[in-house]
Amino acid sequence: MLDSYTSSTYNESWGRSSFARCLIEANSEVDLVDVVTIGIPSLSEDGFIKETIRVEYEWRPPRCYICKIFCHVHDYFSKKVASPPIVTTSNVVTPTVEKTNDGC
């Protein structure tokens, strides 16, 4: 999506046309692309001109390749291996039960 200033630069043929800054909505389930193919409206005739544009990113958000979530990188989290709990029997107290013949 181009802002109005950048869009008017191309429509009115003035300003710096060597690059354009635009907002890209990224899907975390898909890798970021390095080239984009777009259709530019032709000024002299009806139709479009097909152009391939190289994409440069100022910043790429870290993304987990397993969870497909931005800002969560799987390599940074170590796998925790749970060891079985150790039970010592030397401190175990067995209760004593007294038996009575009172009918209960």
N, C-alpha and C. Protein backbone atom coordinates (compact mmCIF):
# COMPACT_ATOMS: atom_id res chain seq x y z
N MET A 1 0.85 -1.16 0.00
CA MET A 1 0.00 0.00 0.00
C MET A 1 0.90 1.23 0.00
N LEU A 2 0.73 2.10 -0.98
CA LEU A 2 1.51 3.32 -1.06
C LEU A 2 0.74 4.46 -0.41
N ASP A 3 1.46 5.35 0.27
CA ASP A 3 0.80 6.52 0.84
C ASP A 3 0.49 7.51 -0.28
N SER A 4 -0.31 8.54 0.03
CA SER A 4 -0.76 9.47 -1.01
C SER A 4 0.40 10.26 -1.61
N TYR A 5 1.39 10.62 -0.81
CA TYR A 5 2.53 11.38 -1.32
C TYR A 5 3.33 10.54 -2.33
N THR A 6 3.63 9.31 -1.98
CA THR A 6 4.39 8.44 -2.88
C THR A 6 3.60 8.14 -4.14
N SER A 7 2.30 7.92 -3.99
CA SER A 7 1.46 7.63 -5.14
C SER A 7 1.40 8.84 -6.08
N SER A 8 1.27 10.05 -5.54
CA SER A 8 1.21 11.25 -6.39
C SER A 8 2.54 11.51 -7.09
N THR A 9 3.65 11.09 -6.50
CA THR A 9 4.95 11.24 -7.13
C THR A 9 4.98 10.50 -8.47
N TYR A 10 4.40 9.32 -8.51
CA TYR A 10 4.40 8.53 -9.74
C TYR A 10 3.32 8.99 -10.71
N ASN A 11 2.16 9.39 -10.21
CA ASN A 11 1.07 9.81 -11.09
C ASN A 11 1.38 11.14 -11.78
N GLU A 12 2.05 12.05 -11.09
CA GLU A 12 2.31 13.38 -11.65
C GLU A 12 3.72 13.51 -12.20
N SER A 13 4.50 12.45 -12.17
CA SER A 13 5.86 12.42 -12.72
C SER A 13 6.77 13.50 -12.14
N TRP A 14 6.78 13.64 -10.84
CA TRP A 14 7.71 14.57 -10.19
C TRP A 14 8.28 13.89 -8.96
N GLY A 15 9.37 14.40 -8.47
CA GLY A 15 9.96 13.85 -7.26
C GLY A 15 10.94 12.73 -7.58
N ARG A 16 11.39 12.11 -6.55
CA ARG A 16 12.37 11.03 -6.67
C ARG A 16 11.65 9.73 -6.99
N SER A 17 11.96 9.14 -8.11
CA SER A 17 11.26 7.92 -8.51
C SER A 17 12.16 6.69 -8.48
N SER A 18 13.31 6.78 -7.79
CA SER A 18 14.20 5.63 -7.76
C SER A 18 13.77 4.59 -6.74
N PHE A 19 12.97 4.98 -5.76
CA PHE A 19 12.46 4.01 -4.81
C PHE A 19 11.14 4.50 -4.24
N ALA A 20 10.40 3.60 -3.68
CA ALA A 20 9.15 3.93 -3.00
C ALA A 20 9.10 3.16 -1.70
N ARG A 21 8.64 3.80 -0.68
CA ARG A 21 8.47 3.13 0.61
C ARG A 21 6.99 2.77 0.72
N CYS A 22 6.72 1.54 1.05
CA CYS A 22 5.33 1.11 1.15
C CYS A 22 5.15 0.18 2.34
N LEU A 23 3.92 0.06 2.77
CA LEU A 23 3.55 -0.82 3.87
C LEU A 23 3.18 -2.17 3.30
N ILE A 24 3.75 -3.22 3.87
CA ILE A 24 3.44 -4.57 3.43
C ILE A 24 2.90 -5.35 4.61
N GLU A 25 1.73 -5.93 4.45
CA GLU A 25 1.20 -6.82 5.48
C GLU A 25 1.77 -8.20 5.23
N ALA A 26 2.40 -8.75 6.25
CA ALA A 26 3.07 -10.04 6.10
C ALA A 26 2.29 -11.12 6.83
N ASN A 27 2.22 -12.27 6.21
CA ASN A 27 1.60 -13.45 6.80
C ASN A 27 2.71 -14.25 7.46
N SER A 28 2.56 -14.56 8.73
CA SER A 28 3.62 -15.26 9.46
C SER A 28 3.80 -16.70 9.01
N GLU A 29 2.85 -17.24 8.26
CA GLU A 29 2.95 -18.63 7.80
C GLU A 29 3.72 -18.75 6.48
N VAL A 30 4.07 -17.62 5.86
CA VAL A 30 4.73 -17.62 4.56
C VAL A 30 6.03 -16.81 4.68
N ASP A 31 7.09 -17.26 4.00
CA ASP A 31 8.36 -16.53 4.01
C ASP A 31 8.21 -15.19 3.31
N LEU A 32 9.02 -14.21 3.73
CA LEU A 32 9.03 -12.91 3.07
C LEU A 32 9.67 -13.05 1.70
N VAL A 33 9.14 -12.33 0.72
CA VAL A 33 9.62 -12.45 -0.66
C VAL A 33 10.71 -11.42 -0.94
N ASP A 34 11.54 -11.70 -1.93
CA ASP A 34 12.61 -10.79 -2.34
C ASP A 34 12.26 -10.03 -3.61
N VAL A 35 11.29 -10.51 -4.37
CA VAL A 35 10.82 -9.82 -5.58
C VAL A 35 9.29 -9.86 -5.61
N VAL A 36 8.71 -8.80 -6.21
CA VAL A 36 7.26 -8.70 -6.35
C VAL A 36 6.95 -8.35 -7.79
N THR A 37 6.00 -9.02 -8.39
CA THR A 37 5.55 -8.70 -9.74
C THR A 37 4.25 -7.92 -9.63
N ILE A 38 4.22 -6.73 -10.25
CA ILE A 38 3.04 -5.87 -10.17
C ILE A 38 2.61 -5.44 -11.56
N GLY A 39 1.37 -4.97 -11.66
CA GLY A 39 0.85 -4.40 -12.90
C GLY A 39 0.73 -2.90 -12.75
N ILE A 40 1.41 -2.14 -13.60
CA ILE A 40 1.37 -0.68 -13.56
C ILE A 40 0.47 -0.21 -14.69
N PRO A 41 -0.52 0.65 -14.38
CA PRO A 41 -1.40 1.14 -15.45
C PRO A 41 -0.60 1.89 -16.51
N SER A 42 -0.88 1.58 -17.76
CA SER A 42 -0.20 2.22 -18.89
C SER A 42 -0.79 3.62 -19.09
N LEU A 43 0.08 4.64 -19.28
CA LEU A 43 -0.39 6.01 -19.46
C LEU A 43 -0.83 6.29 -20.90
N SER A 44 -0.26 5.59 -21.87
CA SER A 44 -0.55 5.88 -23.27
C SER A 44 -1.69 5.05 -23.84
N GLU A 45 -1.95 3.90 -23.28
CA GLU A 45 -3.00 3.04 -23.81
C GLU A 45 -3.66 2.28 -22.67
N ASP A 46 -4.73 1.60 -22.97
CA ASP A 46 -5.41 0.80 -21.95
C ASP A 46 -4.58 -0.43 -21.62
N GLY A 47 -4.70 -0.87 -20.40
CA GLY A 47 -3.98 -2.07 -19.99
C GLY A 47 -2.92 -1.76 -18.95
N PHE A 48 -2.10 -2.76 -18.73
CA PHE A 48 -1.09 -2.66 -17.69
C PHE A 48 0.27 -3.08 -18.23
N ILE A 49 1.31 -2.60 -17.56
CA ILE A 49 2.67 -3.01 -17.85
C ILE A 49 3.11 -3.90 -16.70
N LYS A 50 3.60 -5.07 -17.00
CA LYS A 50 4.04 -6.02 -15.97
C LYS A 50 5.49 -5.72 -15.61
N GLU A 51 5.75 -5.47 -14.32
CA GLU A 51 7.09 -5.17 -13.84
C GLU A 51 7.42 -6.05 -12.64
N THR A 52 8.67 -6.45 -12.54
CA THR A 52 9.17 -7.19 -11.38
C THR A 52 10.06 -6.25 -10.59
N ILE A 53 9.76 -6.11 -9.30
CA ILE A 53 10.46 -5.16 -8.45
C ILE A 53 11.19 -5.91 -7.35
N ARG A 54 12.45 -5.55 -7.13
CA ARG A 54 13.23 -6.13 -6.04
C ARG A 54 12.81 -5.46 -4.74
N VAL A 55 12.61 -6.26 -3.69
CA VAL A 55 12.15 -5.76 -2.40
C VAL A 55 13.32 -5.74 -1.42
N GLU A 56 13.50 -4.62 -0.74
CA GLU A 56 14.49 -4.49 0.32
C GLU A 56 13.74 -4.21 1.61
N TYR A 57 14.13 -4.89 2.66
CA TYR A 57 13.50 -4.70 3.97
C TYR A 57 14.44 -3.95 4.89
N GLU A 58 13.92 -2.93 5.58
CA GLU A 58 14.72 -2.25 6.60
C GLU A 58 14.95 -3.18 7.78
N TRP A 59 13.99 -4.04 8.04
CA TRP A 59 14.04 -4.94 9.19
C TRP A 59 13.16 -6.14 8.89
N ARG A 60 13.64 -7.31 9.20
CA ARG A 60 12.84 -8.54 9.07
C ARG A 60 12.56 -9.06 10.47
N PRO A 61 11.30 -9.23 10.83
CA PRO A 61 11.00 -9.72 12.18
C PRO A 61 11.43 -11.17 12.33
N PRO A 62 11.94 -11.52 13.50
CA PRO A 62 12.29 -12.93 13.72
C PRO A 62 11.02 -13.77 13.69
N ARG A 63 11.14 -14.96 13.11
CA ARG A 63 9.97 -15.82 12.95
C ARG A 63 10.35 -17.25 13.25
N CYS A 64 9.53 -17.93 14.04
CA CYS A 64 9.76 -19.33 14.35
C CYS A 64 9.35 -20.18 13.15
N TYR A 65 10.26 -21.02 12.68
CA TYR A 65 9.95 -21.85 11.51
C TYR A 65 9.06 -23.03 11.86
N ILE A 66 8.88 -23.31 13.15
CA ILE A 66 8.00 -24.41 13.56
C ILE A 66 6.61 -23.88 13.90
N CYS A 67 6.56 -22.86 14.78
CA CYS A 67 5.28 -22.31 15.23
C CYS A 67 4.66 -21.34 14.23
N LYS A 68 5.47 -20.79 13.32
CA LYS A 68 5.03 -19.78 12.34
C LYS A 68 4.49 -18.54 13.04
N ILE A 69 5.21 -18.09 14.07
CA ILE A 69 4.83 -16.91 14.83
C ILE A 69 5.98 -15.91 14.77
N PHE A 70 5.64 -14.63 14.55
CA PHE A 70 6.66 -13.59 14.56
C PHE A 70 7.16 -13.37 15.99
N CYS A 71 8.40 -12.94 16.11
CA CYS A 71 9.07 -12.60 17.38
C CYS A 71 9.23 -13.80 18.31
N HIS A 72 9.13 -14.98 17.81
CA HIS A 72 9.41 -16.19 18.58
C HIS A 72 10.30 -17.05 17.70
N VAL A 73 11.54 -17.22 18.12
CA VAL A 73 12.49 -17.98 17.31
C VAL A 73 12.79 -19.29 18.02
N HIS A 74 12.55 -20.39 17.34
CA HIS A 74 12.68 -21.72 17.92
C HIS A 74 14.12 -22.01 18.36
N ASP A 75 15.10 -21.50 17.62
CA ASP A 75 16.50 -21.78 17.94
C ASP A 75 16.94 -21.18 19.28
N TYR A 76 16.25 -20.14 19.74
CA TYR A 76 16.65 -19.48 20.98
C TYR A 76 16.17 -20.22 22.22
N PHE A 77 15.23 -21.13 22.07
CA PHE A 77 14.67 -21.84 23.21
C PHE A 77 15.23 -23.25 23.25
N SER A 78 15.88 -23.58 24.34
CA SER A 78 16.46 -24.92 24.45
C SER A 78 15.37 -25.91 24.85
N LYS A 79 15.54 -27.11 24.43
CA LYS A 79 14.59 -28.15 24.79
C LYS A 79 14.89 -28.61 26.21
N LYS A 80 13.87 -28.61 27.03
CA LYS A 80 14.05 -29.04 28.41
C LYS A 80 13.70 -30.51 28.51
N VAL A 81 14.63 -31.29 28.98
CA VAL A 81 14.41 -32.72 29.17
C VAL A 81 14.10 -32.92 30.64
N ALA A 82 12.92 -33.43 30.91
CA ALA A 82 12.51 -33.63 32.30
C ALA A 82 13.09 -34.93 32.82
N SER A 83 13.81 -34.83 33.91
CA SER A 83 14.36 -36.04 34.53
C SER A 83 13.33 -36.57 35.53
N PRO A 84 13.27 -37.89 35.69
CA PRO A 84 12.30 -38.45 36.63
C PRO A 84 12.62 -38.00 38.05
N PRO A 85 11.60 -37.76 38.86
CA PRO A 85 11.86 -37.32 40.23
C PRO A 85 12.53 -38.42 41.05
N ILE A 86 13.43 -38.01 41.91
CA ILE A 86 14.15 -38.96 42.77
C ILE A 86 13.43 -39.02 44.11
N VAL A 87 13.02 -40.22 44.49
CA VAL A 87 12.31 -40.43 45.75
C VAL A 87 13.23 -41.16 46.71
N THR A 88 13.45 -40.57 47.86
CA THR A 88 14.26 -41.25 48.88
C THR A 88 13.32 -41.90 49.88
N THR A 89 13.61 -43.13 50.24
CA THR A 89 12.73 -43.86 51.17
C THR A 89 13.24 -43.84 52.60
N SER A 90 14.36 -43.22 52.85
CA SER A 90 14.90 -43.24 54.21
C SER A 90 14.13 -42.31 55.14
N ASN A 91 13.47 -41.29 54.63
CA ASN A 91 12.75 -40.35 55.47
C ASN A 91 11.25 -40.63 55.51
N VAL A 92 10.81 -41.75 54.97
CA VAL A 92 9.39 -42.08 54.92
C VAL A 92 8.97 -42.67 56.25
N VAL A 93 7.89 -42.14 56.81
CA VAL A 93 7.36 -42.63 58.09
C VAL A 93 6.10 -43.40 57.79
N THR A 94 6.02 -44.63 58.26
CA THR A 94 4.82 -45.44 58.09
C THR A 94 3.96 -45.28 59.34
N PRO A 95 2.71 -44.89 59.17
CA PRO A 95 1.84 -44.71 60.33
C PRO A 95 1.48 -46.05 60.96
N THR A 96 1.33 -46.05 62.25
CA THR A 96 0.89 -47.26 62.96
C THR A 96 -0.58 -47.13 63.27
N VAL A 97 -1.31 -48.21 63.05
CA VAL A 97 -2.75 -48.21 63.28
C VAL A 97 -3.04 -49.19 64.42
N GLU A 98 -3.76 -48.69 65.42
CA GLU A 98 -4.13 -49.55 66.54
C GLU A 98 -5.49 -50.16 66.27
N LYS A 99 -5.62 -51.46 66.50
CA LYS A 99 -6.89 -52.15 66.30
C LYS A 99 -7.60 -52.26 67.64
N THR A 100 -8.88 -51.95 67.61
CA THR A 100 -9.70 -52.08 68.82
C THR A 100 -10.90 -52.95 68.52
N ASN A 101 -11.48 -53.55 69.51
CA ASN A 101 -12.64 -54.41 69.34
C ASN A 101 -13.91 -53.72 69.84
N ASP A 102 -14.10 -52.49 69.52
CA ASP A 102 -15.29 -51.78 69.99
C ASP A 102 -16.43 -51.83 68.99
N GLY A 103 -16.34 -52.64 67.95
CA GLY A 103 -17.42 -52.85 66.99
C GLY A 103 -17.34 -51.94 65.78
N CYS A 104 -16.39 -51.12 65.72
CA CYS A 104 -16.29 -50.22 64.56
C CYS A 104 -15.17 -50.66 63.66
